[in-house]
């Protein structure tokens, strides 16, 4: 497999790039759509496909779905902290270690899909009340550096599309 093919499998929607002029309503709409998009893809998969990595050395489809639930739970909490704490510092976690835990390896992704549906309903309800000024609230991500809530929300809108692309590549 060529380096370009591997890069395409790794980043099926391209690498994340923050846009200072991003339309936050569109980003929130993408976050709102993510659970249904992931469910639509995961529900078409056979157990063998759910146990298939999306690229050599990558996670299985099930680990991807379970990771999105883990990641977006963290993102929701980070959003809430950023809204109520000045200069909030994100608590990072090792996503590869989390993806290796038994519940993250389970090919029964129904619990994670249920988590995402309820979680995103609450997250979107909150995000639709955030003012332009609040989107500029700063936070510090120890691995990514200083950012604003504006950038964080763009990151997670991208993140849902990114991992849906991984699932779609297995279905091809």
N, C-alpha and C. Protein backbone atom coordinates (compact mmCIF):
# COMPACT_ATOMS: atom_id res chain seq x y z
N UNK A 1 0.85 -1.17 0.00
CA UNK A 1 0.00 0.00 0.00
C UNK A 1 0.90 1.25 0.00
N UNK A 2 0.55 2.22 -0.82
CA UNK A 2 1.37 3.43 -0.92
C UNK A 2 1.17 4.33 0.30
N UNK A 3 2.13 5.23 0.49
CA UNK A 3 2.01 6.20 1.59
C UNK A 3 0.76 7.06 1.42
N UNK A 4 0.44 7.45 0.18
CA UNK A 4 -0.74 8.26 -0.08
C UNK A 4 -2.02 7.50 0.25
N UNK A 5 -2.07 6.23 -0.11
CA UNK A 5 -3.25 5.41 0.20
C UNK A 5 -3.42 5.27 1.71
N UNK A 6 -2.31 5.06 2.42
CA UNK A 6 -2.39 4.96 3.88
C UNK A 6 -2.83 6.27 4.50
N UNK A 7 -2.32 7.38 3.97
CA UNK A 7 -2.70 8.71 4.48
C UNK A 7 -4.19 8.96 4.25
N UNK A 8 -4.69 8.53 3.09
CA UNK A 8 -6.12 8.68 2.78
C UNK A 8 -6.97 7.83 3.72
N UNK A 9 -6.53 6.61 4.01
CA UNK A 9 -7.25 5.77 4.96
C UNK A 9 -7.21 6.37 6.36
N UNK A 10 -6.07 6.94 6.72
CA UNK A 10 -5.92 7.51 8.06
C UNK A 10 -6.75 8.78 8.23
N UNK A 11 -6.80 9.61 7.19
CA UNK A 11 -7.53 10.89 7.25
C UNK A 11 -8.50 10.98 6.07
N UNK A 12 -9.59 10.22 6.12
CA UNK A 12 -10.49 10.15 4.97
C UNK A 12 -11.19 11.47 4.62
N UNK A 13 -11.29 12.40 5.56
CA UNK A 13 -11.89 13.72 5.27
C UNK A 13 -10.84 14.82 5.35
N UNK A 14 -9.57 14.41 5.35
CA UNK A 14 -8.47 15.37 5.48
C UNK A 14 -8.15 15.62 6.94
N UNK A 15 -6.99 16.23 7.16
CA UNK A 15 -6.57 16.56 8.52
C UNK A 15 -7.37 17.76 9.02
N UNK A 16 -7.51 17.83 10.33
CA UNK A 16 -8.25 18.96 10.93
C UNK A 16 -7.48 20.25 10.73
N UNK A 17 -8.22 21.28 10.36
CA UNK A 17 -7.66 22.62 10.25
C UNK A 17 -8.72 23.59 10.75
N UNK A 18 -8.38 24.31 11.80
CA UNK A 18 -9.32 25.28 12.38
C UNK A 18 -9.54 26.43 11.40
N UNK A 19 -10.76 26.93 11.38
CA UNK A 19 -11.12 28.07 10.55
C UNK A 19 -11.65 29.17 11.47
N UNK A 20 -10.95 30.30 11.56
CA UNK A 20 -11.41 31.36 12.46
C UNK A 20 -12.77 31.92 12.07
N UNK A 21 -13.18 31.68 10.82
CA UNK A 21 -14.47 32.19 10.34
C UNK A 21 -15.52 31.10 10.20
N UNK A 22 -15.29 29.95 10.82
CA UNK A 22 -16.23 28.83 10.70
C UNK A 22 -17.62 29.23 11.16
N UNK A 23 -18.61 28.74 10.45
CA UNK A 23 -20.01 28.95 10.78
C UNK A 23 -20.37 27.98 11.92
N UNK A 24 -20.54 28.51 13.10
CA UNK A 24 -20.76 27.64 14.26
C UNK A 24 -22.09 26.90 14.18
N UNK A 25 -23.10 27.50 13.56
CA UNK A 25 -24.38 26.79 13.40
C UNK A 25 -24.16 25.53 12.55
N UNK A 26 -23.34 25.65 11.51
CA UNK A 26 -23.04 24.48 10.66
C UNK A 26 -22.24 23.44 11.42
N UNK A 27 -21.30 23.88 12.27
CA UNK A 27 -20.51 22.94 13.07
C UNK A 27 -21.42 22.19 14.05
N UNK A 28 -22.34 22.92 14.66
CA UNK A 28 -23.28 22.30 15.60
C UNK A 28 -24.19 21.31 14.86
N UNK A 29 -24.61 21.67 13.66
CA UNK A 29 -25.43 20.74 12.86
C UNK A 29 -24.65 19.46 12.57
N UNK A 30 -23.36 19.57 12.32
CA UNK A 30 -22.54 18.37 12.07
C UNK A 30 -22.44 17.52 13.34
N UNK A 31 -22.29 18.17 14.48
CA UNK A 31 -22.26 17.42 15.74
C UNK A 31 -23.62 16.75 15.97
N UNK A 32 -24.69 17.44 15.66
CA UNK A 32 -26.03 16.86 15.82
C UNK A 32 -26.23 15.64 14.93
N UNK A 33 -25.66 15.66 13.74
CA UNK A 33 -25.85 14.58 12.77
C UNK A 33 -24.94 13.38 13.02
N UNK A 34 -23.87 13.56 13.76
CA UNK A 34 -22.86 12.51 13.92
C UNK A 34 -23.41 11.18 14.44
N UNK A 35 -24.23 11.16 15.50
CA UNK A 35 -24.70 9.86 16.00
C UNK A 35 -25.48 9.06 14.94
N UNK A 36 -26.37 9.72 14.22
CA UNK A 36 -27.15 9.01 13.20
C UNK A 36 -26.26 8.55 12.06
N UNK A 37 -25.30 9.39 11.67
CA UNK A 37 -24.38 9.01 10.59
C UNK A 37 -23.56 7.77 10.98
N UNK A 38 -23.02 7.78 12.20
CA UNK A 38 -22.24 6.62 12.66
C UNK A 38 -23.12 5.38 12.78
N UNK A 39 -24.31 5.55 13.32
CA UNK A 39 -25.23 4.41 13.49
C UNK A 39 -25.60 3.80 12.14
N UNK A 40 -25.88 4.65 11.17
CA UNK A 40 -26.24 4.17 9.83
C UNK A 40 -25.14 3.29 9.25
N UNK A 41 -23.90 3.70 9.44
CA UNK A 41 -22.76 2.92 8.94
C UNK A 41 -22.56 1.65 9.77
N UNK A 42 -22.55 1.77 11.08
CA UNK A 42 -22.29 0.62 11.96
C UNK A 42 -23.36 -0.45 11.83
N UNK A 43 -24.60 -0.03 11.66
CA UNK A 43 -25.70 -1.00 11.57
C UNK A 43 -25.67 -1.80 10.27
N UNK A 44 -24.95 -1.31 9.28
CA UNK A 44 -24.80 -2.06 8.01
C UNK A 44 -23.67 -3.07 8.08
N UNK A 45 -22.88 -3.03 9.14
CA UNK A 45 -21.70 -3.88 9.23
C UNK A 45 -22.03 -5.25 9.82
N UNK A 46 -21.33 -6.23 9.27
CA UNK A 46 -21.41 -7.58 9.83
C UNK A 46 -20.50 -7.64 11.06
N UNK A 47 -20.66 -8.66 11.88
CA UNK A 47 -19.72 -8.82 13.00
C UNK A 47 -18.25 -8.87 12.53
N UNK A 48 -18.01 -9.51 11.39
CA UNK A 48 -16.64 -9.57 10.87
C UNK A 48 -16.14 -8.19 10.48
N UNK A 49 -16.99 -7.36 9.89
CA UNK A 49 -16.58 -6.00 9.53
C UNK A 49 -16.33 -5.15 10.77
N UNK A 50 -17.14 -5.34 11.82
CA UNK A 50 -16.93 -4.60 13.06
C UNK A 50 -15.59 -4.97 13.71
N UNK A 51 -15.10 -6.17 13.41
CA UNK A 51 -13.82 -6.63 13.95
C UNK A 51 -12.66 -6.34 13.00
N UNK A 52 -12.92 -5.61 11.91
CA UNK A 52 -11.91 -5.31 10.89
C UNK A 52 -11.29 -3.93 11.13
N UNK A 53 -9.96 -3.85 11.11
CA UNK A 53 -9.32 -2.53 11.20
C UNK A 53 -9.57 -1.72 9.92
N UNK A 54 -9.69 -0.41 10.07
CA UNK A 54 -9.94 0.45 8.91
C UNK A 54 -8.68 0.69 8.09
N UNK A 55 -7.52 0.39 8.68
CA UNK A 55 -6.24 0.48 7.97
C UNK A 55 -5.26 -0.45 8.68
N UNK A 56 -4.17 -0.83 8.01
CA UNK A 56 -3.17 -1.66 8.69
C UNK A 56 -2.66 -0.95 9.95
N UNK A 57 -2.73 -1.66 11.07
CA UNK A 57 -2.29 -1.09 12.34
C UNK A 57 -3.30 -0.18 12.99
N UNK A 58 -4.46 -0.02 12.38
CA UNK A 58 -5.50 0.86 12.93
C UNK A 58 -6.47 0.11 13.81
N UNK A 59 -7.39 0.86 14.37
CA UNK A 59 -8.42 0.26 15.21
C UNK A 59 -9.44 -0.47 14.36
N UNK A 60 -10.17 -1.38 15.01
CA UNK A 60 -11.29 -2.03 14.34
C UNK A 60 -12.45 -1.04 14.24
N UNK A 61 -13.41 -1.38 13.41
CA UNK A 61 -14.60 -0.53 13.29
C UNK A 61 -15.28 -0.36 14.65
N UNK A 62 -15.36 -1.44 15.41
CA UNK A 62 -15.99 -1.36 16.73
C UNK A 62 -15.20 -0.44 17.65
N UNK A 63 -13.88 -0.54 17.63
CA UNK A 63 -13.07 0.36 18.46
C UNK A 63 -13.28 1.81 18.04
N UNK A 64 -13.47 2.06 16.75
CA UNK A 64 -13.72 3.42 16.27
C UNK A 64 -15.02 3.94 16.87
N UNK A 65 -16.08 3.17 16.79
CA UNK A 65 -17.38 3.61 17.33
C UNK A 65 -17.27 3.84 18.83
N UNK A 66 -16.65 2.90 19.53
CA UNK A 66 -16.51 3.03 20.98
C UNK A 66 -15.61 4.22 21.34
N UNK A 67 -14.59 4.47 20.54
CA UNK A 67 -13.72 5.63 20.74
C UNK A 67 -14.49 6.94 20.58
N UNK A 68 -15.35 7.03 19.58
CA UNK A 68 -16.11 8.27 19.39
C UNK A 68 -16.97 8.54 20.62
N UNK A 69 -17.56 7.51 21.19
CA UNK A 69 -18.34 7.72 22.42
C UNK A 69 -17.44 8.23 23.54
N UNK A 70 -16.28 7.61 23.72
CA UNK A 70 -15.35 8.07 24.76
C UNK A 70 -14.91 9.50 24.51
N UNK A 71 -14.50 9.77 23.29
CA UNK A 71 -13.97 11.09 22.93
C UNK A 71 -15.01 12.18 23.07
N UNK A 72 -16.22 11.91 22.60
CA UNK A 72 -17.26 12.94 22.64
C UNK A 72 -17.82 13.15 24.04
N UNK A 73 -17.75 12.12 24.89
CA UNK A 73 -18.08 12.35 26.31
C UNK A 73 -17.09 13.34 26.90
N UNK A 74 -15.82 13.13 26.60
CA UNK A 74 -14.80 14.07 27.08
C UNK A 74 -15.02 15.46 26.50
N UNK A 75 -15.36 15.54 25.23
CA UNK A 75 -15.58 16.84 24.58
C UNK A 75 -16.75 17.59 25.19
N UNK A 76 -17.81 16.88 25.50
CA UNK A 76 -18.97 17.49 26.13
C UNK A 76 -18.60 18.08 27.49
N UNK A 77 -17.88 17.31 28.27
CA UNK A 77 -17.44 17.79 29.59
C UNK A 77 -16.49 18.97 29.43
N UNK A 78 -15.59 18.89 28.45
CA UNK A 78 -14.66 20.00 28.19
C UNK A 78 -15.44 21.27 27.80
N UNK A 79 -16.48 21.11 27.02
CA UNK A 79 -17.31 22.25 26.63
C UNK A 79 -17.92 22.90 27.87
N UNK A 80 -18.46 22.09 28.74
CA UNK A 80 -19.09 22.62 29.95
C UNK A 80 -18.07 23.32 30.85
N UNK A 81 -16.90 22.71 31.03
CA UNK A 81 -15.86 23.35 31.83
C UNK A 81 -15.42 24.66 31.20
N UNK A 82 -15.24 24.67 29.89
CA UNK A 82 -14.80 25.90 29.21
C UNK A 82 -15.81 27.03 29.40
N UNK A 83 -17.08 26.69 29.51
CA UNK A 83 -18.11 27.71 29.70
C UNK A 83 -18.16 28.26 31.12
N UNK A 84 -17.70 27.48 32.09
CA UNK A 84 -17.86 27.92 33.49
C UNK A 84 -16.56 28.18 34.23
N UNK A 85 -15.42 27.77 33.66
CA UNK A 85 -14.13 28.01 34.32
C UNK A 85 -13.27 28.89 33.42
N UNK A 86 -12.64 29.88 34.02
CA UNK A 86 -11.71 30.72 33.26
C UNK A 86 -10.44 29.94 32.98
N UNK A 87 -10.01 30.01 31.72
CA UNK A 87 -8.75 29.36 31.29
C UNK A 87 -8.69 27.89 31.69
N UNK A 88 -9.76 27.18 31.42
CA UNK A 88 -9.84 25.75 31.72
C UNK A 88 -8.70 24.99 31.05
N UNK A 89 -8.08 24.07 31.79
CA UNK A 89 -7.06 23.18 31.24
C UNK A 89 -7.67 21.80 31.06
N UNK A 90 -7.61 21.30 29.83
CA UNK A 90 -8.15 19.99 29.46
C UNK A 90 -7.35 18.89 30.15
N UNK A 91 -8.04 17.87 30.61
CA UNK A 91 -7.39 16.66 31.12
C UNK A 91 -7.28 15.71 29.93
N UNK A 92 -6.06 15.54 29.40
CA UNK A 92 -5.91 14.62 28.27
C UNK A 92 -5.96 13.16 28.72
N UNK A 93 -6.13 12.26 27.77
CA UNK A 93 -6.11 10.83 28.05
C UNK A 93 -5.46 10.13 26.86
N UNK A 94 -4.94 8.96 27.08
CA UNK A 94 -4.29 8.20 26.01
C UNK A 94 -5.36 7.37 25.30
N UNK A 95 -5.79 7.87 24.16
CA UNK A 95 -6.90 7.21 23.45
C UNK A 95 -6.54 5.79 23.02
N UNK A 96 -5.28 5.51 22.75
CA UNK A 96 -4.90 4.15 22.37
C UNK A 96 -5.02 3.18 23.54
N UNK A 97 -4.68 3.63 24.73
CA UNK A 97 -4.86 2.79 25.92
C UNK A 97 -6.35 2.56 26.16
N UNK A 98 -7.14 3.63 26.05
CA UNK A 98 -8.59 3.48 26.22
C UNK A 98 -9.16 2.51 25.18
N UNK A 99 -8.69 2.61 23.94
CA UNK A 99 -9.20 1.74 22.86
C UNK A 99 -8.81 0.28 23.09
N UNK A 100 -7.83 0.04 23.95
CA UNK A 100 -7.41 -1.32 24.25
C UNK A 100 -8.17 -1.96 25.40
N UNK A 101 -8.99 -1.18 26.11
CA UNK A 101 -9.77 -1.75 27.21
C UNK A 101 -10.87 -2.65 26.65
N UNK A 102 -11.28 -3.62 27.45
CA UNK A 102 -12.20 -4.66 26.98
C UNK A 102 -13.51 -4.08 26.44
N UNK A 103 -14.07 -3.05 27.08
CA UNK A 103 -15.34 -2.51 26.60
C UNK A 103 -15.16 -1.79 25.27
N UNK A 104 -13.98 -1.24 25.02
CA UNK A 104 -13.73 -0.55 23.75
C UNK A 104 -13.47 -1.53 22.62
N UNK A 105 -13.06 -2.74 22.95
CA UNK A 105 -12.82 -3.77 21.92
C UNK A 105 -14.09 -4.55 21.58
N UNK A 106 -15.12 -4.40 22.37
CA UNK A 106 -16.37 -5.14 22.15
C UNK A 106 -16.97 -4.78 20.80
N UNK A 107 -17.39 -5.81 20.07
CA UNK A 107 -18.04 -5.56 18.78
C UNK A 107 -19.52 -5.23 18.94
N UNK A 108 -20.02 -5.26 20.18
CA UNK A 108 -21.38 -4.80 20.44
C UNK A 108 -21.31 -3.28 20.62
N UNK A 109 -21.57 -2.56 19.53
CA UNK A 109 -21.45 -1.10 19.57
C UNK A 109 -22.76 -0.42 19.93
N UNK A 110 -23.81 -1.19 20.16
CA UNK A 110 -25.11 -0.60 20.50
C UNK A 110 -25.03 0.32 21.73
N UNK A 111 -24.33 -0.08 22.81
CA UNK A 111 -24.25 0.84 23.95
C UNK A 111 -23.59 2.17 23.59
N UNK A 112 -22.53 2.14 22.80
CA UNK A 112 -21.86 3.39 22.41
C UNK A 112 -22.75 4.23 21.51
N UNK A 113 -23.49 3.60 20.62
CA UNK A 113 -24.41 4.35 19.76
C UNK A 113 -25.51 5.00 20.59
N UNK A 114 -25.97 4.29 21.63
CA UNK A 114 -26.98 4.88 22.53
C UNK A 114 -26.40 6.05 23.30
N UNK A 115 -25.18 5.89 23.79
CA UNK A 115 -24.52 6.99 24.50
C UNK A 115 -24.43 8.21 23.59
N UNK A 116 -23.97 8.00 22.36
CA UNK A 116 -23.81 9.13 21.43
C UNK A 116 -25.12 9.84 21.16
N UNK A 117 -26.18 9.08 21.00
CA UNK A 117 -27.49 9.70 20.71
C UNK A 117 -27.92 10.63 21.85
N UNK A 118 -27.87 10.14 23.07
CA UNK A 118 -28.27 10.97 24.21
C UNK A 118 -27.28 12.09 24.49
N UNK A 119 -26.01 11.78 24.42
CA UNK A 119 -24.96 12.76 24.68
C UNK A 119 -25.05 13.92 23.70
N UNK A 120 -25.16 13.61 22.43
CA UNK A 120 -25.21 14.67 21.42
C UNK A 120 -26.49 15.49 21.53
N UNK A 121 -27.58 14.88 21.96
CA UNK A 121 -28.82 15.65 22.17
C UNK A 121 -28.58 16.73 23.23
N UNK A 122 -27.93 16.35 24.31
CA UNK A 122 -27.64 17.34 25.37
C UNK A 122 -26.61 18.36 24.90
N UNK A 123 -25.55 17.89 24.25
CA UNK A 123 -24.47 18.77 23.81
C UNK A 123 -24.99 19.80 22.83
N UNK A 124 -25.79 19.38 21.88
CA UNK A 124 -26.34 20.30 20.87
C UNK A 124 -27.29 21.29 21.53
N UNK A 125 -28.10 20.84 22.47
CA UNK A 125 -28.98 21.76 23.19
C UNK A 125 -28.16 22.86 23.85
N UNK A 126 -27.07 22.48 24.49
CA UNK A 126 -26.19 23.46 25.13
C UNK A 126 -25.54 24.36 24.08
N UNK A 127 -24.96 23.77 23.05
CA UNK A 127 -24.22 24.55 22.05
C UNK A 127 -25.10 25.57 21.34
N UNK A 128 -26.36 25.27 21.16
CA UNK A 128 -27.24 26.21 20.46
C UNK A 128 -27.58 27.43 21.30
N UNK A 129 -27.15 27.44 22.56
CA UNK A 129 -27.37 28.61 23.42
C UNK A 129 -26.09 29.42 23.63
N UNK A 130 -24.97 28.92 23.13
CA UNK A 130 -23.68 29.58 23.34
C UNK A 130 -23.61 30.84 22.48
N UNK A 131 -23.19 31.94 23.08
CA UNK A 131 -23.09 33.22 22.37
C UNK A 131 -21.76 33.30 21.62
N UNK A 132 -21.67 34.21 20.65
CA UNK A 132 -20.38 34.40 19.97
C UNK A 132 -19.24 34.72 20.94
N UNK A 133 -19.54 35.48 21.97
CA UNK A 133 -18.52 35.81 22.96
C UNK A 133 -18.08 34.55 23.72
N UNK A 134 -19.02 33.70 24.07
CA UNK A 134 -18.68 32.47 24.79
C UNK A 134 -17.84 31.53 23.92
N UNK A 135 -18.10 31.52 22.62
CA UNK A 135 -17.28 30.68 21.74
C UNK A 135 -15.82 31.11 21.74
N UNK A 136 -15.55 32.32 22.18
CA UNK A 136 -14.16 32.82 22.23
C UNK A 136 -13.48 32.52 23.57
N UNK A 137 -14.18 31.84 24.47
CA UNK A 137 -13.57 31.51 25.77
C UNK A 137 -12.34 30.64 25.56
N UNK A 138 -11.25 31.00 26.23
CA UNK A 138 -10.01 30.24 26.04
C UNK A 138 -9.96 28.98 26.88
N UNK A 139 -9.24 28.00 26.38
CA UNK A 139 -8.92 26.81 27.15
C UNK A 139 -7.54 26.34 26.72
N UNK A 140 -6.94 25.53 27.52
CA UNK A 140 -5.60 25.03 27.22
C UNK A 140 -5.66 23.52 27.08
N UNK A 141 -5.26 23.03 25.92
CA UNK A 141 -5.12 21.60 25.72
C UNK A 141 -3.63 21.29 25.80
N UNK A 142 -3.18 20.51 26.79
CA UNK A 142 -1.75 20.27 26.96
C UNK A 142 -1.06 19.70 25.73
N UNK A 143 -1.79 18.99 24.85
CA UNK A 143 -1.18 18.41 23.65
C UNK A 143 -1.35 19.30 22.42
N UNK A 144 -2.43 20.08 22.36
CA UNK A 144 -2.71 20.92 21.19
C UNK A 144 -2.39 22.39 21.41
N UNK A 145 -2.21 22.77 22.67
CA UNK A 145 -1.89 24.15 22.99
C UNK A 145 -3.15 24.97 23.28
N UNK A 146 -2.99 26.31 23.36
CA UNK A 146 -4.13 27.17 23.64
C UNK A 146 -5.14 27.13 22.49
N UNK A 147 -6.39 27.18 22.84
CA UNK A 147 -7.46 27.23 21.84
C UNK A 147 -8.67 27.90 22.45
N UNK A 148 -9.68 28.07 21.64
CA UNK A 148 -10.95 28.61 22.12
C UNK A 148 -12.02 27.53 22.00
N UNK A 149 -13.15 27.79 22.61
CA UNK A 149 -14.28 26.88 22.46
C UNK A 149 -14.69 26.80 20.98
N UNK A 150 -14.54 27.89 20.26
CA UNK A 150 -14.82 27.94 18.82
C UNK A 150 -14.03 26.85 18.08
N UNK A 151 -12.75 26.75 18.40
CA UNK A 151 -11.89 25.74 17.76
C UNK A 151 -12.24 24.34 18.24
N UNK A 152 -12.50 24.19 19.52
CA UNK A 152 -12.84 22.88 20.08
C UNK A 152 -14.07 22.30 19.38
N UNK A 153 -15.08 23.12 19.17
CA UNK A 153 -16.31 22.64 18.53
C UNK A 153 -16.05 22.26 17.07
N UNK A 154 -15.23 23.02 16.38
CA UNK A 154 -14.85 22.65 15.02
C UNK A 154 -14.13 21.30 15.01
N UNK A 155 -13.24 21.10 15.98
CA UNK A 155 -12.48 19.85 16.06
C UNK A 155 -13.42 18.65 16.18
N UNK A 156 -14.44 18.77 17.02
CA UNK A 156 -15.32 17.63 17.22
C UNK A 156 -16.35 17.47 16.10
N UNK A 157 -16.69 18.53 15.41
CA UNK A 157 -17.51 18.38 14.20
C UNK A 157 -16.71 17.57 13.17
N UNK A 158 -15.43 17.93 13.01
CA UNK A 158 -14.53 17.20 12.11
C UNK A 158 -14.37 15.76 12.58
N UNK A 159 -14.20 15.57 13.89
CA UNK A 159 -13.94 14.25 14.46
C UNK A 159 -15.03 13.24 14.11
N UNK A 160 -16.28 13.66 14.18
CA UNK A 160 -17.38 12.76 13.82
C UNK A 160 -17.32 12.37 12.35
N UNK A 161 -17.05 13.34 11.47
CA UNK A 161 -16.93 13.06 10.03
C UNK A 161 -15.73 12.16 9.75
N UNK A 162 -14.63 12.45 10.43
CA UNK A 162 -13.38 11.71 10.29
C UNK A 162 -13.60 10.21 10.56
N UNK A 163 -14.23 9.91 11.68
CA UNK A 163 -14.43 8.49 12.02
C UNK A 163 -15.55 7.85 11.22
N UNK A 164 -16.53 8.61 10.79
CA UNK A 164 -17.53 8.05 9.87
C UNK A 164 -16.83 7.63 8.57
N UNK A 165 -15.84 8.41 8.14
CA UNK A 165 -15.06 8.05 6.96
C UNK A 165 -14.32 6.74 7.14
N UNK A 166 -13.83 6.48 8.37
CA UNK A 166 -13.17 5.20 8.63
C UNK A 166 -14.14 4.05 8.47
N UNK A 167 -15.34 4.21 9.02
CA UNK A 167 -16.34 3.13 8.90
C UNK A 167 -16.74 2.92 7.45
N UNK A 168 -16.92 4.01 6.72
CA UNK A 168 -17.31 3.92 5.31
C UNK A 168 -16.24 3.18 4.51
N UNK A 169 -14.97 3.38 4.86
CA UNK A 169 -13.90 2.71 4.10
C UNK A 169 -13.96 1.20 4.29
N UNK A 170 -14.41 0.73 5.43
CA UNK A 170 -14.54 -0.71 5.65
C UNK A 170 -15.71 -1.27 4.85
N UNK A 171 -16.76 -0.48 4.68
CA UNK A 171 -17.93 -0.94 3.94
C UNK A 171 -17.71 -0.99 2.43
N UNK A 172 -16.67 -0.31 1.94
CA UNK A 172 -16.40 -0.30 0.49
C UNK A 172 -15.93 -1.65 0.01
